[in-house]
Amino acid sequence: MAEHLPGPMEVHIKTKTGTYHGAGTDGDIFVRLVDYEGKTSRDLTLHVWWANKWKKGKEELSVFKKVHVSSPIRELKLWRDNTCPNDDWYCQYVKVQLEPDENGPTYYFPADRWIKAGQSVWLVAGDCTLPQNFPHRKQQEEELKELQERYAW
């Protein structure tokens, strides 16, 4: 387990949009962090300060001050609101760095999935968890059902 840093702290969140056709979005994207003690941050609105927010193949940085969460980060909730409803977003990954000015720890959350307007997903740091230990069973069941329908004979 990583070094314990108490909150509140500065947090840098990087999101990487995939390179698939239509992967980018102009929709609004949010993150909520959860630490190993189960404390959750406030809802963090990711910002890109120009038009064409999340472009295909680009990594975007959002900076937050005074986030009340401690290290290590266990998981995060990533979601889109209903802005740009026909504009799905392909998120490749999310990186979270705590206290970057002090060279704080960075946590990697692989996503590798499409996120529709109004949809949320929970991501585990490093994506290292056994399916039976994944804490968000409903999400897991919905993803399995979608895959079964997609690949049905």
C-alpha atoms as a PDB file:
ATOM      1  CA  MET A   1       0.000   0.000   0.000  1.00  0.00           C
ATOM      2  CA  ALA A   2       1.214   3.477  -0.854  1.00  0.00           C
ATOM      3  CA  GLU A   3       2.310   6.102   1.629  1.00  0.00           C
ATOM      4  CA  HIS A   4      -0.604   7.613   3.562  1.00  0.00           C
ATOM      5  CA  LEU A   5      -1.218  11.305   2.834  1.00  0.00           C
ATOM      6  CA  PRO A   6      -3.995  13.003   4.797  1.00  0.00           C
ATOM      7  CA  GLY A   7      -6.487  15.300   2.989  1.00  0.00           C
ATOM      8  CA  PRO A   8      -7.408  17.934   1.966  1.00  0.00           C
ATOM      9  CA  MET A   9      -4.953  18.080  -0.879  1.00  0.00           C
ATOM     10  CA  GLU A  10      -4.317  19.204  -4.433  1.00  0.00           C
ATOM     11  CA  VAL A  11      -5.302  16.604  -7.012  1.00  0.00           C
ATOM     12  CA  HIS A  12      -4.417  16.369 -10.708  1.00  0.00           C
ATOM     13  CA  ILE A  13      -6.695  14.187 -12.837  1.00  0.00           C
ATOM     14  CA  LYS A  14      -5.679  13.222 -16.370  1.00  0.00           C
ATOM     15  CA  THR A  15      -8.113  11.564 -18.753  1.00  0.00           C
ATOM     16  CA  LYS A  16      -7.111   9.964 -22.037  1.00  0.00           C
ATOM     17  CA  THR A  17      -9.604   9.746 -24.882  1.00  0.00           C
ATOM     18  CA  GLY A  18      -9.228   6.732 -27.144  1.00  0.00           C
ATOM     19  CA  THR A  19      -8.354   6.853 -30.828  1.00  0.00           C
ATOM     20  CA  TYR A  20     -11.502   5.234 -32.224  1.00  0.00           C
ATOM     21  CA  HIS A  21     -13.612   7.120 -34.736  1.00  0.00           C
ATOM     22  CA  GLY A  22     -16.010   9.341 -32.774  1.00  0.00           C
ATOM     23  CA  ALA A  23     -14.199   8.752 -29.476  1.00  0.00           C
ATOM     24  CA  GLY A  24     -14.229  12.408 -28.382  1.00  0.00           C
ATOM     25  CA  THR A  25     -17.074  14.313 -26.746  1.00  0.00           C
ATOM     26  CA  ASP A  26     -18.148  17.811 -25.812  1.00  0.00           C
ATOM     27  CA  GLY A  27     -20.196  16.395 -22.916  1.00  0.00           C
ATOM     28  CA  ASP A  28     -19.513  17.148 -19.251  1.00  0.00           C
ATOM     29  CA  ILE A  29     -17.467  14.564 -17.338  1.00  0.00           C
ATOM     30  CA  PHE A  30     -17.241  14.053 -13.570  1.00  0.00           C
ATOM     31  CA  VAL A  31     -15.146  12.026 -11.116  1.00  0.00           C
ATOM     32  CA  ARG A  32     -15.612  11.054  -7.463  1.00  0.00           C
ATOM     33  CA  LEU A  33     -12.600   9.555  -5.626  1.00  0.00           C
ATOM     34  CA  VAL A  34     -12.839   6.928  -2.881  1.00  0.00           C
ATOM     35  CA  ASP A  35      -9.895   6.244  -0.564  1.00  0.00           C
ATOM     36  CA  TYR A  36      -9.058   3.038   1.332  1.00  0.00           C
ATOM     37  CA  GLU A  37     -10.904   4.283   4.405  1.00  0.00           C
ATOM     38  CA  GLY A  38     -14.063   4.622   2.315  1.00  0.00           C
ATOM     39  CA  LYS A  39     -14.086   8.438   2.374  1.00  0.00           C
ATOM     40  CA  THR A  40     -15.339  10.017  -0.829  1.00  0.00           C
ATOM     41  CA  SER A  41     -14.369  13.306  -2.396  1.00  0.00           C
ATOM     42  CA  ARG A  42     -16.859  15.845  -3.603  1.00  0.00           C
ATOM     43  CA  ASP A  43     -18.002  15.449  -7.209  1.00  0.00           C
ATOM     44  CA  LEU A  44     -15.163  16.826  -9.339  1.00  0.00           C
ATOM     45  CA  THR A  45     -16.148  18.380 -12.661  1.00  0.00           C
ATOM     46  CA  LEU A  46     -13.402  17.853 -15.205  1.00  0.00           C
ATOM     47  CA  HIS A  47     -12.696  20.968 -17.239  1.00  0.00           C
ATOM     48  CA  VAL A  48     -11.141  21.622 -20.585  1.00  0.00           C
ATOM     49  CA  TRP A  49     -10.949  25.338 -21.272  1.00  0.00           C
ATOM     50  CA  TRP A  50     -11.568  25.355 -25.006  1.00  0.00           C
ATOM     51  CA  ALA A  51     -14.150  24.077 -27.480  1.00  0.00           C
ATOM     52  CA  ASN A  52     -14.036  20.415 -28.492  1.00  0.00           C
ATOM     53  CA  LYS A  53     -13.451  19.237 -24.957  1.00  0.00           C
ATOM     54  CA  TRP A  54     -12.242  15.641 -25.111  1.00  0.00           C
ATOM     55  CA  LYS A  55     -10.593  15.122 -28.465  1.00  0.00           C
ATOM     56  CA  LYS A  56      -9.754  11.786 -30.023  1.00  0.00           C
ATOM     57  CA  GLY A  57      -6.357  10.520 -28.822  1.00  0.00           C
ATOM     58  CA  LYS A  58      -5.688  13.429 -26.425  1.00  0.00           C
ATOM     59  CA  GLU A  59      -4.850  13.468 -22.721  1.00  0.00           C
ATOM     60  CA  GLU A  60      -6.513  16.262 -20.740  1.00  0.00           C
ATOM     61  CA  LEU A  61      -5.556  17.612 -17.301  1.00  0.00           C
ATOM     62  CA  SER A  62      -7.894  18.963 -14.621  1.00  0.00           C
ATOM     63  CA  VAL A  63      -6.522  20.476 -11.391  1.00  0.00           C
ATOM     64  CA  PHE A  64      -8.411  20.595  -8.079  1.00  0.00           C
ATOM     65  CA  LYS A  65      -7.500  22.275  -4.791  1.00  0.00           C
ATOM     66  CA  LYS A  66      -8.560  21.197  -1.292  1.00  0.00           C
ATOM     67  CA  VAL A  67      -9.982  17.798  -2.156  1.00  0.00           C
ATOM     68  CA  HIS A  68     -10.972  15.970   1.036  1.00  0.00           C
ATOM     69  CA  VAL A  69      -9.611  12.494   0.401  1.00  0.00           C
ATOM     70  CA  SER A  70      -6.559  10.611   1.679  1.00  0.00           C
ATOM     71  CA  SER A  71      -4.138   8.294  -0.036  1.00  0.00           C
ATOM     72  CA  PRO A  72      -4.187   5.642  -1.181  1.00  0.00           C
ATOM     73  CA  ILE A  73      -7.090   5.961  -3.622  1.00  0.00           C
ATOM     74  CA  ARG A  74      -9.032   2.694  -3.924  1.00  0.00           C
ATOM     75  CA  GLU A  75     -11.506   3.442  -6.705  1.00  0.00           C
ATOM     76  CA  LEU A  76     -13.278   6.188  -8.568  1.00  0.00           C
ATOM     77  CA  LYS A  77     -16.633   6.813 -10.120  1.00  0.00           C
ATOM     78  CA  LEU A  78     -16.478   8.294 -13.617  1.00  0.00           C
ATOM     79  CA  TRP A  79     -19.599   9.605 -15.315  1.00  0.00           C
ATOM     80  CA  ARG A  80     -21.140  11.832 -17.942  1.00  0.00           C
ATOM     81  CA  ASP A  81     -24.194  13.982 -17.475  1.00  0.00           C
ATOM     82  CA  ASN A  82     -26.837  14.269 -20.188  1.00  0.00           C
ATOM     83  CA  THR A  83     -25.208  17.102 -22.128  1.00  0.00           C
ATOM     84  CA  CYS A  84     -24.525  16.107 -25.736  1.00  0.00           C
ATOM     85  CA  PRO A  85     -26.764  13.005 -25.455  1.00  0.00           C
ATOM     86  CA  ASN A  86     -25.755  11.513 -28.833  1.00  0.00           C
ATOM     87  CA  ASP A  87     -22.046  11.988 -28.246  1.00  0.00           C
ATOM     88  CA  ASP A  88     -20.565   8.873 -26.585  1.00  0.00           C
ATOM     89  CA  TRP A  89     -17.030   9.168 -25.174  1.00  0.00           C
ATOM     90  CA  TYR A  90     -14.339   6.483 -25.298  1.00  0.00           C
ATOM     91  CA  CYS A  91     -12.213   6.769 -22.154  1.00  0.00           C
ATOM     92  CA  GLN A  92      -8.920   4.917 -22.336  1.00  0.00           C
ATOM     93  CA  TYR A  93      -7.774   5.692 -18.784  1.00  0.00           C
ATOM     94  CA  VAL A  94      -7.863   8.069 -15.834  1.00  0.00           C
ATOM     95  CA  LYS A  95      -4.738   8.987 -13.825  1.00  0.00           C
ATOM     96  CA  VAL A  96      -4.986  10.627 -10.415  1.00  0.00           C
ATOM     97  CA  GLN A  97      -1.980  12.305  -8.808  1.00  0.00           C
ATOM     98  CA  LEU A  98      -2.163  13.520  -5.209  1.00  0.00           C
ATOM     99  CA  GLU A  99      -0.055  16.512  -4.108  1.00  0.00           C
ATOM    100  CA  PRO A 100       1.867  16.814  -7.403  1.00  0.00           C
ATOM    101  CA  ASP A 101       4.077  19.646  -6.084  1.00  0.00           C
ATOM    102  CA  GLU A 102       5.392  17.200  -3.468  1.00  0.00           C
ATOM    103  CA  ASN A 103       5.776  14.353  -5.979  1.00  0.00           C
ATOM    104  CA  GLY A 104       2.789  12.543  -4.456  1.00  0.00           C
ATOM    105  CA  PRO A 105       1.567   9.121  -5.599  1.00  0.00           C
ATOM    106  CA  THR A 106      -0.133   8.580  -8.942  1.00  0.00           C
ATOM    107  CA  TYR A 107      -2.958   6.044  -9.363  1.00  0.00           C
ATOM    108  CA  TYR A 108      -3.842   4.552 -12.744  1.00  0.00           C
ATOM    109  CA  PHE A 109      -7.428   3.557 -13.561  1.00  0.00           C
ATOM    110  CA  PRO A 110      -7.762   1.751 -16.905  1.00  0.00           C
ATOM    111  CA  ALA A 111     -11.208   2.291 -18.426  1.00  0.00           C
ATOM    112  CA  ASP A 112     -11.047   1.163 -22.076  1.00  0.00           C
ATOM    113  CA  ARG A 113     -14.768   1.619 -22.630  1.00  0.00           C
ATOM    114  CA  TRP A 114     -17.440   3.801 -24.168  1.00  0.00           C
ATOM    115  CA  ILE A 115     -19.339   6.009 -21.732  1.00  0.00           C
ATOM    116  CA  LYS A 116     -22.736   7.209 -22.883  1.00  0.00           C
ATOM    117  CA  ALA A 117     -24.450  10.395 -21.748  1.00  0.00           C
ATOM    118  CA  GLY A 118     -26.017   9.751 -18.338  1.00  0.00           C
ATOM    119  CA  GLN A 119     -23.873   6.645 -17.729  1.00  0.00           C
ATOM    120  CA  SER A 120     -21.459   6.039 -14.852  1.00  0.00           C
ATOM    121  CA  VAL A 121     -18.760   3.434 -14.250  1.00  0.00           C
ATOM    122  CA  TRP A 122     -16.689   2.477 -11.221  1.00  0.00           C
ATOM    123  CA  LEU A 123     -12.996   1.918 -11.848  1.00  0.00           C
ATOM    124  CA  VAL A 124     -10.558   0.151  -9.518  1.00  0.00           C
ATOM    125  CA  ALA A 125      -6.960   1.374  -9.227  1.00  0.00           C
ATOM    126  CA  GLY A 126      -4.794  -0.736 -11.511  1.00  0.00           C
ATOM    127  CA  ASP A 127      -7.894  -2.713 -12.562  1.00  0.00           C
ATOM    128  CA  CYS A 128      -6.635  -5.471 -10.264  1.00  0.00           C
ATOM    129  CA  THR A 129      -9.543  -7.203  -8.628  1.00  0.00           C
ATOM    130  CA  LEU A 130     -11.069 -10.625  -9.004  1.00  0.00           C
ATOM    131  CA  PRO A 131     -14.564 -10.540 -10.503  1.00  0.00           C
ATOM    132  CA  GLN A 132     -16.085 -12.010  -7.342  1.00  0.00           C
ATOM    133  CA  ASN A 133     -14.457  -9.239  -5.271  1.00  0.00           C
ATOM    134  CA  PHE A 134     -15.563  -6.322  -7.481  1.00  0.00           C
ATOM    135  CA  PRO A 135     -17.559  -4.088  -5.122  1.00  0.00           C
ATOM    136  CA  HIS A 136     -20.075  -2.864  -7.745  1.00  0.00           C
ATOM    137  CA  ARG A 137     -21.919  -6.044  -8.702  1.00  0.00           C
ATOM    138  CA  LYS A 138     -24.753  -4.289 -10.595  1.00  0.00           C
ATOM    139  CA  GLN A 139     -22.312  -2.605 -12.988  1.00  0.00           C
ATOM    140  CA  GLN A 140     -20.543  -5.914 -13.559  1.00  0.00           C
ATOM    141  CA  GLU A 141     -23.840  -7.696 -14.319  1.00  0.00           C
ATOM    142  CA  GLU A 142     -24.933  -4.968 -16.757  1.00  0.00           C
ATOM    143  CA  GLU A 143     -21.604  -5.122 -18.603  1.00  0.00           C
ATOM    144  CA  LEU A 144     -21.789  -8.924 -18.863  1.00  0.00           C
ATOM    145  CA  LYS A 145     -25.373  -8.752 -20.144  1.00  0.00           C
ATOM    146  CA  GLU A 146     -24.379  -6.202 -22.797  1.00  0.00           C
ATOM    147  CA  LEU A 147     -21.488  -8.427 -23.939  1.00  0.00           C
ATOM    148  CA  GLN A 148     -23.769 -11.489 -24.083  1.00  0.00           C
ATOM    149  CA  GLU A 149     -26.263  -9.595 -26.255  1.00  0.00           C
ATOM    150  CA  ARG A 150     -23.531  -8.206 -28.503  1.00  0.00           C
ATOM    151  CA  TYR A 151     -21.896 -11.567 -29.128  1.00  0.00           C
ATOM    152  CA  ALA A 152     -24.992 -13.826 -29.149  1.00  0.00           C
ATOM    153  CA  TRP A 153     -25.159 -16.316 -32.040  1.00  0.00           C
END
